[in-house]
Amino acid sequence: MNDEAKTDALLEVKELSVSFATDEGEVQALDAVNFEVKDGQTLGLVGESGCGKSVTALSVMRLLPRPIGKITGGSIDFGGMDLLKLTPDEMRQIRGNEIGMIFQEPMNALNPVRTIGDQISESFLLHQNITPKEAWEKSIDMLEDVGIPAPENRVFEYPHQLSGGMRQRIVIAIALACKPKLVIADEPTTALDVTVQSQILDLLQSMKERLGSSVLLITHDLGVIAETCDEVCVMYAGRVVERASTIDLFANPIHAYTRGLLSSIPRLDGIPKTVLSTIDGMVPSLSELNKGCRFAPRSGLEHSEEQLALRPPFTEVNPGHWVEACPVCTTL
């Protein structure tokens, strides 16, 4: 990659590999994953559950469960720093300050026995040299920013007193409290109804524009990707199998897995009452992964022993459009 390309990448993940210790031995959850998030960009990671999206996010934040999870290779460059080389104390200064994370289950992310005001204030007190009173006032301001009504009253409430959509707004307020350069949003609309989903996505977009942040958005919902992302990485079985601009990916999907995901979406111009297309089978267990084309068992296409044994090269087939170029699973 040339120097010019490096300068506009806020986050650059190179050859990231992650493994987990299990009763069946060590299994690989991420296999040499590469992507970058540019300044002001929203990059989407999309794929079925179990593809490695959340593990990627936890790796960037260095929050993998220890000792069972470990990063076995690669680098994570953030603003010129390799996050994997920072000490735990140095990483704590980055986490929550320069990189904020929105977790997918707000009831799990929030402490049930602490008030909303205490939980937002903690971010300010950890990363900014201010008094508790100033942190409390900033917490009220953050609640107002994320659209919480009567914020001066809500700061005294507990998570169980709020609706799911309100709790998600609180999680967003905590993640954005210190105006981070990068926001990682892990399934931010899971378990919310459609109307609230739209409100949360609009809030994320408006806060991103106000703060000038970049966003790494993790989701299994291609509709969310189409609405919010500039670029997309499609993940399957711990690998990125296709990467392109959102417009290009939807207009010209090349990998069979990407085509399968897109064909499973209901279309307004489709024939009414027709059965939706599906992808047969399930994402393979981490202990059953082959070294070659990992989508082969579900593709319904015949693969040679060599194609199952050798990893396909990640190839730029059009400007800015990359794909894991299995000759059977790609339309090249």
C-alpha atoms as a PDB file:
ATOM      1  CA  MET A   1       0.000   0.000   0.000  1.00  0.00           C
ATOM      2  CA  ASN A   2       1.404   3.398  -0.935  1.00  0.00           C
ATOM      3  CA  ASP A   3       2.087   6.226   1.517  1.00  0.00           C
ATOM      4  CA  GLU A   4      -0.795   8.319   0.237  1.00  0.00           C
ATOM      5  CA  ALA A   5      -3.255   5.525   1.044  1.00  0.00           C
ATOM      6  CA  LYS A   6      -1.853   5.214   4.551  1.00  0.00           C
ATOM      7  CA  THR A   7      -2.362   8.855   5.390  1.00  0.00           C
ATOM      8  CA  ASP A   8      -6.162   8.797   5.100  1.00  0.00           C
ATOM      9  CA  ALA A   9      -6.648   5.529   7.029  1.00  0.00           C
ATOM     10  CA  LEU A  10      -7.555   6.153  10.654  1.00  0.00           C
ATOM     11  CA  LEU A  11      -7.690   2.424  11.403  1.00  0.00           C
ATOM     12  CA  GLU A  12      -5.736  -0.153   9.420  1.00  0.00           C
ATOM     13  CA  VAL A  13      -6.081  -3.849  10.257  1.00  0.00           C
ATOM     14  CA  LYS A  14      -3.484  -6.079   8.614  1.00  0.00           C
ATOM     15  CA  GLU A  15      -3.396  -9.884   8.562  1.00  0.00           C
ATOM     16  CA  LEU A  16      -5.285 -10.069  11.871  1.00  0.00           C
ATOM     17  CA  SER A  17      -5.568 -13.618  13.182  1.00  0.00           C
ATOM     18  CA  VAL A  18      -7.289 -14.681  16.404  1.00  0.00           C
ATOM     19  CA  SER A  19      -7.594 -18.081  18.045  1.00  0.00           C
ATOM     20  CA  PHE A  20      -9.550 -19.494  20.978  1.00  0.00           C
ATOM     21  CA  ALA A  21      -8.731 -22.376  23.286  1.00  0.00           C
ATOM     22  CA  THR A  22     -11.568 -24.911  23.426  1.00  0.00           C
ATOM     23  CA  ASP A  23     -12.121 -28.425  24.725  1.00  0.00           C
ATOM     24  CA  GLU A  24     -11.421 -29.601  21.170  1.00  0.00           C
ATOM     25  CA  GLY A  25      -8.117 -27.737  21.024  1.00  0.00           C
ATOM     26  CA  GLU A  26      -7.172 -24.345  19.622  1.00  0.00           C
ATOM     27  CA  VAL A  27      -9.472 -23.039  16.899  1.00  0.00           C
ATOM     28  CA  GLN A  28      -9.008 -20.052  14.602  1.00  0.00           C
ATOM     29  CA  ALA A  29     -11.735 -17.406  14.756  1.00  0.00           C
ATOM     30  CA  LEU A  30     -10.082 -14.858  12.438  1.00  0.00           C
ATOM     31  CA  ASP A  31      -7.768 -15.807   9.584  1.00  0.00           C
ATOM     32  CA  ALA A  32      -5.575 -12.969   8.258  1.00  0.00           C
ATOM     33  CA  VAL A  33      -8.300 -10.294   8.129  1.00  0.00           C
ATOM     34  CA  ASN A  34      -7.468  -7.038   6.323  1.00  0.00           C
ATOM     35  CA  PHE A  35      -9.458  -3.798   6.129  1.00  0.00           C
ATOM     36  CA  GLU A  36      -9.138  -0.091   6.819  1.00  0.00           C
ATOM     37  CA  VAL A  37     -11.407   2.702   8.005  1.00  0.00           C
ATOM     38  CA  LYS A  38     -10.665   6.124   6.560  1.00  0.00           C
ATOM     39  CA  ASP A  39     -11.218   9.467   8.256  1.00  0.00           C
ATOM     40  CA  GLY A  40     -14.921  10.322   8.290  1.00  0.00           C
ATOM     41  CA  GLN A  41     -15.892   6.985   6.704  1.00  0.00           C
ATOM     42  CA  THR A  42     -18.471   4.429   7.797  1.00  0.00           C
ATOM     43  CA  LEU A  43     -17.262   0.900   7.068  1.00  0.00           C
ATOM     44  CA  GLY A  44     -19.666  -2.000   7.473  1.00  0.00           C
ATOM     45  CA  LEU A  45     -18.752  -5.546   8.486  1.00  0.00           C
ATOM     46  CA  VAL A  46     -21.563  -7.855   7.417  1.00  0.00           C
ATOM     47  CA  GLY A  47     -22.139 -11.587   7.590  1.00  0.00           C
ATOM     48  CA  GLU A  48     -24.095 -14.268   9.418  1.00  0.00           C
ATOM     49  CA  SER A  49     -23.701 -14.912  13.129  1.00  0.00           C
ATOM     50  CA  GLY A  50     -20.433 -16.744  13.784  1.00  0.00           C
ATOM     51  CA  CYS A  51     -18.526 -15.166  10.890  1.00  0.00           C
ATOM     52  CA  GLY A  52     -16.110 -13.252  13.144  1.00  0.00           C
ATOM     53  CA  LYS A  53     -17.564  -9.750  13.124  1.00  0.00           C
ATOM     54  CA  SER A  54     -17.773  -9.223  16.886  1.00  0.00           C
ATOM     55  CA  VAL A  55     -14.425 -10.948  17.437  1.00  0.00           C
ATOM     56  CA  THR A  56     -12.929  -8.382  15.052  1.00  0.00           C
ATOM     57  CA  ALA A  57     -14.408  -5.532  17.098  1.00  0.00           C
ATOM     58  CA  LEU A  58     -13.231  -6.992  20.404  1.00  0.00           C
ATOM     59  CA  SER A  59      -9.758  -7.479  18.931  1.00  0.00           C
ATOM     60  CA  VAL A  60      -9.520  -3.816  17.930  1.00  0.00           C
ATOM     61  CA  MET A  61     -10.575  -2.820  21.448  1.00  0.00           C
ATOM     62  CA  ARG A  62      -8.319  -5.507  22.956  1.00  0.00           C
ATOM     63  CA  LEU A  63     -11.239  -6.894  24.908  1.00  0.00           C
ATOM     64  CA  LEU A  64     -10.981 -10.558  23.888  1.00  0.00           C
ATOM     65  CA  PRO A  65     -11.804 -12.891  26.791  1.00  0.00           C
ATOM     66  CA  ARG A  66      -8.551 -13.948  28.373  1.00  0.00           C
ATOM     67  CA  PRO A  67      -6.854 -16.341  28.577  1.00  0.00           C
ATOM     68  CA  ILE A  68      -8.961 -18.348  26.103  1.00  0.00           C
ATOM     69  CA  GLY A  69      -8.838 -15.754  23.315  1.00  0.00           C
ATOM     70  CA  LYS A  70      -5.627 -14.396  21.861  1.00  0.00           C
ATOM     71  CA  ILE A  71      -4.391 -12.499  18.837  1.00  0.00           C
ATOM     72  CA  THR A  72      -1.909 -14.751  17.063  1.00  0.00           C
ATOM     73  CA  GLY A  73      -0.807 -12.507  14.207  1.00  0.00           C
ATOM     74  CA  GLY A  74      -1.146  -9.222  12.379  1.00  0.00           C
ATOM     75  CA  SER A  75      -1.294  -5.582  13.419  1.00  0.00           C
ATOM     76  CA  ILE A  76      -3.945  -2.988  14.270  1.00  0.00           C
ATOM     77  CA  ASP A  77      -2.743   0.499  13.370  1.00  0.00           C
ATOM     78  CA  PHE A  78      -4.757   3.364  14.833  1.00  0.00           C
ATOM     79  CA  GLY A  79      -3.564   6.882  14.125  1.00  0.00           C
ATOM     80  CA  GLY A  80      -0.002   5.691  13.646  1.00  0.00           C
ATOM     81  CA  MET A  81       0.051   3.433  16.728  1.00  0.00           C
ATOM     82  CA  ASP A  82      -0.012  -0.360  16.684  1.00  0.00           C
ATOM     83  CA  LEU A  83      -2.634  -1.081  19.334  1.00  0.00           C
ATOM     84  CA  LEU A  84      -1.233  -4.574  19.843  1.00  0.00           C
ATOM     85  CA  LYS A  85       2.035  -3.116  21.133  1.00  0.00           C
ATOM     86  CA  LEU A  86       0.486  -0.814  23.743  1.00  0.00           C
ATOM     87  CA  THR A  87       0.586  -1.651  27.446  1.00  0.00           C
ATOM     88  CA  PRO A  88      -2.734  -2.290  29.231  1.00  0.00           C
ATOM     89  CA  ASP A  89      -2.557   1.185  30.806  1.00  0.00           C
ATOM     90  CA  GLU A  90      -1.866   2.820  27.437  1.00  0.00           C
ATOM     91  CA  MET A  91      -4.764   0.905  25.875  1.00  0.00           C
ATOM     92  CA  ARG A  92      -7.105   2.065  28.644  1.00  0.00           C
ATOM     93  CA  GLN A  93      -6.301   5.655  27.666  1.00  0.00           C
ATOM     94  CA  ILE A  94      -7.322   4.888  24.077  1.00  0.00           C
ATOM     95  CA  ARG A  95     -10.406   2.840  24.913  1.00  0.00           C
ATOM     96  CA  GLY A  96     -13.393   5.070  25.639  1.00  0.00           C
ATOM     97  CA  ASN A  97     -11.429   8.198  24.819  1.00  0.00           C
ATOM     98  CA  GLU A  98     -10.196   7.926  21.225  1.00  0.00           C
ATOM     99  CA  ILE A  99     -12.135   4.761  20.357  1.00  0.00           C
ATOM    100  CA  GLY A 100     -15.697   4.372  21.627  1.00  0.00           C
ATOM    101  CA  MET A 101     -17.700   1.168  21.427  1.00  0.00           C
ATOM    102  CA  ILE A 102     -21.456   0.657  21.263  1.00  0.00           C
ATOM    103  CA  PHE A 103     -22.247  -2.872  22.416  1.00  0.00           C
ATOM    104  CA  GLN A 104     -25.116  -4.865  20.941  1.00  0.00           C
ATOM    105  CA  GLU A 105     -26.987  -5.594  24.193  1.00  0.00           C
ATOM    106  CA  PRO A 106     -27.511  -2.377  26.175  1.00  0.00           C
ATOM    107  CA  MET A 107     -28.795  -4.236  29.249  1.00  0.00           C
ATOM    108  CA  ASN A 108     -25.525  -6.178  29.369  1.00  0.00           C
ATOM    109  CA  ALA A 109     -23.407  -3.106  28.628  1.00  0.00           C
ATOM    110  CA  LEU A 110     -24.986  -1.008  31.387  1.00  0.00           C
ATOM    111  CA  ASN A 111     -24.472  -1.601  35.104  1.00  0.00           C
ATOM    112  CA  PRO A 112     -27.916  -2.351  36.591  1.00  0.00           C
ATOM    113  CA  VAL A 113     -27.052  -0.978  40.061  1.00  0.00           C
ATOM    114  CA  ARG A 114     -25.599   2.379  39.027  1.00  0.00           C
ATOM    115  CA  THR A 115     -27.514   5.417  37.840  1.00  0.00           C
ATOM    116  CA  ILE A 116     -27.342   6.582  34.247  1.00  0.00           C
ATOM    117  CA  GLY A 117     -25.577   9.764  35.359  1.00  0.00           C
ATOM    118  CA  ASP A 118     -22.876   7.815  37.220  1.00  0.00           C
ATOM    119  CA  GLN A 119     -22.175   5.624  34.201  1.00  0.00           C
ATOM    120  CA  ILE A 120     -21.814   8.507  31.747  1.00  0.00           C
ATOM    121  CA  SER A 121     -19.813  10.600  34.238  1.00  0.00           C
ATOM    122  CA  GLU A 122     -17.296   7.773  34.576  1.00  0.00           C
ATOM    123  CA  SER A 123     -16.059   8.344  31.012  1.00  0.00           C
ATOM    124  CA  PHE A 124     -15.428  12.022  31.668  1.00  0.00           C
ATOM    125  CA  LEU A 125     -13.718  11.393  35.010  1.00  0.00           C
ATOM    126  CA  LEU A 126     -11.448   8.719  33.539  1.00  0.00           C
ATOM    127  CA  HIS A 127     -10.273  10.695  30.534  1.00  0.00           C
ATOM    128  CA  GLN A 128     -10.720  14.375  31.328  1.00  0.00           C
ATOM    129  CA  ASN A 129      -9.297  16.493  34.124  1.00  0.00           C
ATOM    130  CA  ILE A 130     -12.628  17.771  35.457  1.00  0.00           C
ATOM    131  CA  THR A 131     -14.555  17.718  38.735  1.00  0.00           C
ATOM    132  CA  PRO A 132     -17.426  15.302  39.486  1.00  0.00           C
ATOM    133  CA  LYS A 133     -19.866  18.212  39.283  1.00  0.00           C
ATOM    134  CA  GLU A 134     -18.593  19.169  35.810  1.00  0.00           C
ATOM    135  CA  ALA A 135     -18.783  15.507  34.726  1.00  0.00           C
ATOM    136  CA  TRP A 136     -22.388  15.332  35.934  1.00  0.00           C
ATOM    137  CA  GLU A 137     -23.308  18.475  33.992  1.00  0.00           C
ATOM    138  CA  LYS A 138     -21.628  17.075  30.872  1.00  0.00           C
ATOM    139  CA  SER A 139     -23.597  13.854  31.335  1.00  0.00           C
ATOM    140  CA  ILE A 140     -26.855  15.802  31.265  1.00  0.00           C
ATOM    141  CA  ASP A 141     -25.672  17.542  28.078  1.00  0.00           C
ATOM    142  CA  MET A 142     -24.843  14.171  26.475  1.00  0.00           C
ATOM    143  CA  LEU A 143     -28.309  12.824  27.274  1.00  0.00           C
ATOM    144  CA  GLU A 144     -29.796  15.869  25.605  1.00  0.00           C
ATOM    145  CA  ASP A 145     -27.520  15.367  22.583  1.00  0.00           C
ATOM    146  CA  VAL A 146     -28.750  11.798  22.073  1.00  0.00           C
ATOM    147  CA  GLY A 147     -32.401  12.801  22.351  1.00  0.00           C
ATOM    148  CA  ILE A 148     -33.275  11.685  25.880  1.00  0.00           C
ATOM    149  CA  PRO A 149     -36.218  13.775  27.188  1.00  0.00           C
ATOM    150  CA  ALA A 150     -35.906  15.461  30.611  1.00  0.00           C
ATOM    151  CA  PRO A 151     -32.190  14.590  30.893  1.00  0.00           C
ATOM    152  CA  GLU A 152     -31.847  16.348  34.256  1.00  0.00           C
ATOM    153  CA  ASN A 153     -34.235  13.720  35.658  1.00  0.00           C
ATOM    154  CA  ARG A 154     -32.998  10.692  33.684  1.00  0.00           C
ATOM    155  CA  VAL A 155     -29.478  10.950  35.147  1.00  0.00           C
ATOM    156  CA  PHE A 156     -30.908   9.715  38.459  1.00  0.00           C
ATOM    157  CA  GLU A 157     -32.639   6.681  36.936  1.00  0.00           C
ATOM    158  CA  TYR A 158     -31.408   3.093  36.490  1.00  0.00           C
ATOM    159  CA  PRO A 159     -31.261   1.052  33.253  1.00  0.00           C
ATOM    160  CA  HIS A 160     -34.319  -1.075  34.142  1.00  0.00           C
ATOM    161  CA  GLN A 161     -36.438   2.080  34.253  1.00  0.00           C
ATOM    162  CA  LEU A 162     -35.823   2.822  30.566  1.00  0.00           C
ATOM    163  CA  SER A 163     -37.078   1.282  27.318  1.00  0.00           C
ATOM    164  CA  GLY A 164     -34.778  -0.644  24.984  1.00  0.00           C
ATOM    165  CA  GLY A 165     -34.435   2.307  22.620  1.00  0.00           C
ATOM    166  CA  MET A 166     -33.648   4.670  25.502  1.00  0.00           C
ATOM    167  CA  ARG A 167     -31.025   2.271  26.874  1.00  0.00           C
ATOM    168  CA  GLN A 168     -29.382   2.113  23.454  1.00  0.00           C
ATOM    169  CA  ARG A 169     -29.241   5.914  23.391  1.00  0.00           C
ATOM    170  CA  ILE A 170     -27.528   5.814  26.789  1.00  0.00           C
ATOM    171  CA  VAL A 171     -24.932   3.366  25.459  1.00  0.00           C
ATOM    172  CA  ILE A 172     -24.346   5.700  22.500  1.00  0.00           C
ATOM    173  CA  ALA A 173     -23.971   8.646  24.887  1.00  0.00           C
ATOM    174  CA  ILE A 174     -21.315   6.759  26.881  1.00  0.00           C
ATOM    175  CA  ALA A 175     -19.448   5.723  23.714  1.00  0.00           C
ATOM    176  CA  LEU A 176     -19.435   9.272  22.320  1.00  0.00           C
ATOM    177  CA  ALA A 177     -18.918  11.162  25.590  1.00  0.00           C
ATOM    178  CA  CYS A 178     -15.237  11.946  24.953  1.00  0.00           C
ATOM    179  CA  LYS A 179     -15.714  12.667  21.244  1.00  0.00           C
ATOM    180  CA  PRO A 180     -13.751   9.655  19.956  1.00  0.00           C
ATOM    181  CA  LYS A 181     -12.109   9.594  16.545  1.00  0.00           C
ATOM    182  CA  LEU A 182     -13.471   6.089  15.896  1.00  0.00           C
ATOM    183  CA  VAL A 183     -16.784   4.552  16.976  1.00  0.00           C
ATOM    184  CA  ILE A 184     -17.277   0.781  16.812  1.00  0.00           C
ATOM    185  CA  ALA A 185     -20.985  -0.067  16.721  1.00  0.00           C
ATOM    186  CA  ASP A 186     -21.638  -3.779  17.247  1.00  0.00           C
ATOM    187  CA  GLU A 187     -25.176  -4.627  16.091  1.00  0.00           C
ATOM    188  CA  PRO A 188     -26.534  -1.333  17.509  1.00  0.00           C
ATOM    189  CA  THR A 189     -30.121  -2.036  16.407  1.00  0.00           C
ATOM    190  CA  THR A 190     -30.453  -5.663  17.568  1.00  0.00           C
ATOM    191  CA  ALA A 191     -33.708  -6.448  19.420  1.00  0.00           C
ATOM    192  CA  LEU A 192     -35.202  -3.027  18.641  1.00  0.00           C
ATOM    193  CA  ASP A 193     -38.392  -2.586  16.647  1.00  0.00           C
ATOM    194  CA  VAL A 194     -38.157  -1.156  13.146  1.00  0.00           C
ATOM    195  CA  THR A 195     -39.163   2.396  14.070  1.00  0.00           C
ATOM    196  CA  VAL A 196     -36.628   2.582  16.904  1.00  0.00           C
ATOM    197  CA  GLN A 197     -33.955   1.026  14.670  1.00  0.00           C
ATOM    198  CA  SER A 198     -34.383   3.885  12.213  1.00  0.00           C
ATOM    199  CA  GLN A 199     -34.171   6.451  15.003  1.00  0.00           C
ATOM    200  CA  ILE A 200     -30.954   4.907  16.372  1.00  0.00           C
ATOM    201  CA  LEU A 201     -29.335   4.823  12.915  1.00  0.00           C
ATOM    202  CA  ASP A 202     -30.316   8.454  12.292  1.00  0.00           C
ATOM    203  CA  LEU A 203     -28.861   9.384  15.687  1.00  0.00           C
ATOM    204  CA  LEU A 204     -25.591   7.585  14.920  1.00  0.00           C
ATOM    205  CA  GLN A 205     -25.304   9.339  11.582  1.00  0.00           C
ATOM    206  CA  SER A 206     -26.016  12.792  13.014  1.00  0.00           C
ATOM    207  CA  MET A 207     -23.584  12.296  15.918  1.00  0.00           C
ATOM    208  CA  LYS A 208     -20.921  11.036  13.524  1.00  0.00           C
ATOM    209  CA  GLU A 209     -21.274  14.149  11.378  1.00  0.00           C
ATOM    210  CA  ARG A 210     -21.301  16.449  14.406  1.00  0.00           C
ATOM    211  CA  LEU A 211     -18.148  14.920  15.921  1.00  0.00           C
ATOM    212  CA  GLY A 212     -16.358  14.166  12.645  1.00  0.00           C
ATOM    213  CA  SER A 213     -15.840  10.561  13.755  1.00  0.00           C
ATOM    214  CA  SER A 214     -15.306   7.428  11.681  1.00  0.00           C
ATOM    215  CA  VAL A 215     -17.572   4.420  12.267  1.00  0.00           C
ATOM    216  CA  LEU A 216     -16.972   0.681  12.086  1.00  0.00           C
ATOM    217  CA  LEU A 217     -20.504  -0.724  11.898  1.00  0.00           C
ATOM    218  CA  ILE A 218     -21.050  -4.424  12.555  1.00  0.00           C
ATOM    219  CA  THR A 219     -24.350  -5.927  11.461  1.00  0.00           C
ATOM    220  CA  HIS A 220     -26.008  -8.868   9.745  1.00  0.00           C
ATOM    221  CA  ASP A 221     -28.608  -6.547   8.204  1.00  0.00           C
ATOM    222  CA  LEU A 222     -27.839  -5.545   4.622  1.00  0.00           C
ATOM    223  CA  GLY A 223     -30.592  -2.940   4.762  1.00  0.00           C
ATOM    224  CA  VAL A 224     -28.675  -1.150   7.513  1.00  0.00           C
ATOM    225  CA  ILE A 225     -25.495  -1.424   5.433  1.00  0.00           C
ATOM    226  CA  ALA A 226     -27.187   0.102   2.387  1.00  0.00           C
ATOM    227  CA  GLU A 227     -28.547   3.007   4.425  1.00  0.00           C
ATOM    228  CA  THR A 228     -25.458   3.947   6.423  1.00  0.00           C
ATOM    229  CA  CYS A 229     -22.151   2.638   5.031  1.00  0.00           C
ATOM    230  CA  ASP A 230     -19.669   4.012   2.506  1.00  0.00           C
ATOM    231  CA  GLU A 231     -17.818   0.717   2.126  1.00  0.00           C
ATOM    232  CA  VAL A 232     -18.551  -2.912   3.040  1.00  0.00           C
ATOM    233  CA  CYS A 233     -16.518  -5.941   4.089  1.00  0.00           C
ATOM    234  CA  VAL A 234     -18.401  -9.235   3.745  1.00  0.00           C
ATOM    235  CA  MET A 235     -17.120 -11.763   6.285  1.00  0.00           C
ATOM    236  CA  TYR A 236     -17.479 -15.510   6.198  1.00  0.00           C
ATOM    237  CA  ALA A 237     -15.929 -18.095   8.546  1.00  0.00           C
ATOM    238  CA  GLY A 238     -13.313 -15.727   9.916  1.00  0.00           C
ATOM    239  CA  ARG A 239     -12.267 -14.189   6.601  1.00  0.00           C
ATOM    240  CA  VAL A 240     -13.177 -11.164   4.521  1.00  0.00           C
ATOM    241  CA  VAL A 241     -14.437 -12.691   1.268  1.00  0.00           C
ATOM    242  CA  GLU A 242     -15.411  -9.446  -0.489  1.00  0.00           C
ATOM    243  CA  ARG A 243     -14.761  -5.737   0.044  1.00  0.00           C
ATOM    244  CA  ALA A 244     -16.101  -2.853  -2.027  1.00  0.00           C
ATOM    245  CA  SER A 245     -17.953   0.436  -1.904  1.00  0.00           C
ATOM    246  CA  THR A 246     -21.569  -0.059  -0.858  1.00  0.00           C
ATOM    247  CA  ILE A 247     -22.880   1.020  -4.259  1.00  0.00           C
ATOM    248  CA  ASP A 248     -20.515  -1.311  -6.119  1.00  0.00           C
ATOM    249  CA  LEU A 249     -21.178  -4.280  -3.846  1.00  0.00           C
ATOM    250  CA  PHE A 250     -24.962  -4.073  -4.229  1.00  0.00           C
ATOM    251  CA  ALA A 251     -24.737  -3.451  -7.982  1.00  0.00           C
ATOM    252  CA  ASN A 252     -22.059  -6.047  -8.730  1.00  0.00           C
ATOM    253  CA  PRO A 253     -21.643  -8.767  -6.071  1.00  0.00           C
ATOM    254  CA  ILE A 254     -18.897 -11.150  -7.153  1.00  0.00           C
ATOM    255  CA  HIS A 255     -18.545 -13.812  -4.446  1.00  0.00           C
ATOM    256  CA  ALA A 256     -21.224 -16.515  -4.239  1.00  0.00           C
ATOM    257  CA  TYR A 257     -21.713 -15.831  -0.517  1.00  0.00           C
ATOM    258  CA  THR A 258     -22.347 -12.138  -1.136  1.00  0.00           C
ATOM    259  CA  ARG A 259     -24.796 -12.988  -3.899  1.00  0.00           C
ATOM    260  CA  GLY A 260     -26.547 -15.414  -1.555  1.00  0.00           C
ATOM    261  CA  LEU A 261     -26.918 -12.764   1.150  1.00  0.00           C
ATOM    262  CA  LEU A 262     -28.288 -10.200  -1.288  1.00  0.00           C
ATOM    263  CA  SER A 263     -30.716 -12.635  -2.891  1.00  0.00           C
ATOM    264  CA  SER A 264     -32.226 -13.427   0.524  1.00  0.00           C
ATOM    265  CA  ILE A 265     -33.466  -9.837   0.975  1.00  0.00           C
ATOM    266  CA  PRO A 266     -37.127  -9.152   0.112  1.00  0.00           C
ATOM    267  CA  ARG A 267     -37.389  -6.674  -2.777  1.00  0.00           C
ATOM    268  CA  LEU A 268     -40.079  -4.074  -3.446  1.00  0.00           C
ATOM    269  CA  ASP A 269     -39.896  -4.894  -7.158  1.00  0.00           C
ATOM    270  CA  GLY A 270     -40.040  -8.655  -6.544  1.00  0.00           C
ATOM    271  CA  ILE A 271     -42.933 -10.966  -7.345  1.00  0.00           C
ATOM    272  CA  PRO A 272     -45.420 -10.970  -4.429  1.00  0.00           C
ATOM    273  CA  LYS A 273     -45.721 -14.087  -2.243  1.00  0.00           C
ATOM    274  CA  THR A 274     -42.688 -15.809  -3.737  1.00  0.00           C
ATOM    275  CA  VAL A 275     -40.473 -17.879  -1.437  1.00  0.00           C
ATOM    276  CA  LEU A 276     -37.315 -16.045  -0.416  1.00  0.00           C
ATOM    277  CA  SER A 277     -33.995 -17.459  -1.504  1.00  0.00           C
ATOM    278  CA  THR A 278     -31.848 -18.991   1.256  1.00  0.00           C
ATOM    279  CA  ILE A 279     -28.281 -20.185   1.689  1.00  0.00           C
ATOM    280  CA  ASP A 280     -28.282 -23.883   2.497  1.00  0.00           C
ATOM    281  CA  GLY A 281     -26.545 -25.090   5.633  1.00  0.00           C
ATOM    282  CA  MET A 282     -24.875 -23.090   8.391  1.00  0.00           C
ATOM    283  CA  VAL A 283     -21.595 -21.314   9.054  1.00  0.00           C
ATOM    284  CA  PRO A 284     -19.158 -24.169   9.801  1.00  0.00           C
ATOM    285  CA  SER A 285     -17.848 -24.821  13.287  1.00  0.00           C
ATOM    286  CA  LEU A 286     -14.424 -23.288  13.911  1.00  0.00           C
ATOM    287  CA  SER A 287     -13.051 -26.775  14.408  1.00  0.00           C
ATOM    288  CA  GLU A 288     -14.247 -27.885  10.949  1.00  0.00           C
ATOM    289  CA  LEU A 289     -12.785 -25.152   8.734  1.00  0.00           C
ATOM    290  CA  ASN A 290     -10.845 -26.109   5.630  1.00  0.00           C
ATOM    291  CA  LYS A 291      -7.790 -24.203   4.441  1.00  0.00           C
ATOM    292  CA  GLY A 292      -9.166 -23.418   0.998  1.00  0.00           C
ATOM    293  CA  CYS A 293     -12.508 -21.950  -0.040  1.00  0.00           C
ATOM    294  CA  ARG A 294     -14.565 -22.040   3.139  1.00  0.00           C
ATOM    295  CA  PHE A 295     -17.858 -21.400   1.403  1.00  0.00           C
ATOM    296  CA  ALA A 296     -17.448 -24.500  -0.772  1.00  0.00           C
ATOM    297  CA  PRO A 297     -19.612 -26.870   1.365  1.00  0.00           C
ATOM    298  CA  ARG A 298     -22.592 -24.481   1.171  1.00  0.00           C
ATOM    299  CA  SER A 299     -22.128 -23.193  -2.350  1.00  0.00           C
ATOM    300  CA  GLY A 300     -23.734 -26.163  -4.100  1.00  0.00           C
ATOM    301  CA  LEU A 301     -20.824 -26.010  -6.541  1.00  0.00           C
ATOM    302  CA  GLU A 302     -18.182 -28.658  -7.210  1.00  0.00           C
ATOM    303  CA  HIS A 303     -14.704 -27.803  -5.870  1.00  0.00           C
ATOM    304  CA  SER A 304     -11.476 -29.686  -6.546  1.00  0.00           C
ATOM    305  CA  GLU A 305      -9.278 -31.008  -3.728  1.00  0.00           C
ATOM    306  CA  GLU A 306      -6.787 -28.260  -4.519  1.00  0.00           C
ATOM    307  CA  GLN A 307      -9.472 -25.558  -4.182  1.00  0.00           C
ATOM    308  CA  LEU A 308     -10.391 -26.973  -0.772  1.00  0.00           C
ATOM    309  CA  ALA A 309      -6.752 -27.124   0.338  1.00  0.00           C
ATOM    310  CA  LEU A 310      -5.333 -23.792  -0.889  1.00  0.00           C
ATOM    311  CA  ARG A 311      -6.657 -20.401   0.205  1.00  0.00           C
ATOM    312  CA  PRO A 312      -7.850 -18.321  -2.761  1.00  0.00           C
ATOM    313  CA  PRO A 313      -5.923 -15.063  -3.251  1.00  0.00           C
ATOM    314  CA  PHE A 314      -7.603 -11.818  -2.181  1.00  0.00           C
ATOM    315  CA  THR A 315      -7.663 -10.004  -5.513  1.00  0.00           C
ATOM    316  CA  GLU A 316      -8.630  -6.507  -6.661  1.00  0.00           C
ATOM    317  CA  VAL A 317     -10.934  -7.293  -9.571  1.00  0.00           C
ATOM    318  CA  ASN A 318     -12.074  -3.703 -10.160  1.00  0.00           C
ATOM    319  CA  PRO A 319     -10.727  -0.455  -8.677  1.00  0.00           C
ATOM    320  CA  GLY A 320     -11.553  -0.631  -4.960  1.00  0.00           C
ATOM    321  CA  HIS A 321     -13.403  -3.961  -5.317  1.00  0.00           C
ATOM    322  CA  TRP A 322     -11.612  -6.917  -3.722  1.00  0.00           C
ATOM    323  CA  VAL A 323     -12.712 -10.542  -3.526  1.00  0.00           C
ATOM    324  CA  GLU A 324     -11.386 -13.886  -2.312  1.00  0.00           C
ATOM    325  CA  ALA A 325     -10.985 -15.203  -5.832  1.00  0.00           C
ATOM    326  CA  CYS A 326     -12.088 -18.828  -5.679  1.00  0.00           C
ATOM    327  CA  PRO A 327     -12.541 -19.677  -9.373  1.00  0.00           C
ATOM    328  CA  VAL A 328     -15.721 -21.628  -8.589  1.00  0.00           C
ATOM    329  CA  CYS A 329     -17.436 -19.196  -6.188  1.00  0.00           C
ATOM    330  CA  THR A 330     -16.689 -15.938  -7.999  1.00  0.00           C
ATOM    331  CA  THR A 331     -18.030 -14.444 -11.211  1.00  0.00           C
ATOM    332  CA  LEU A 332     -14.791 -13.215 -12.783  1.00  0.00           C
END
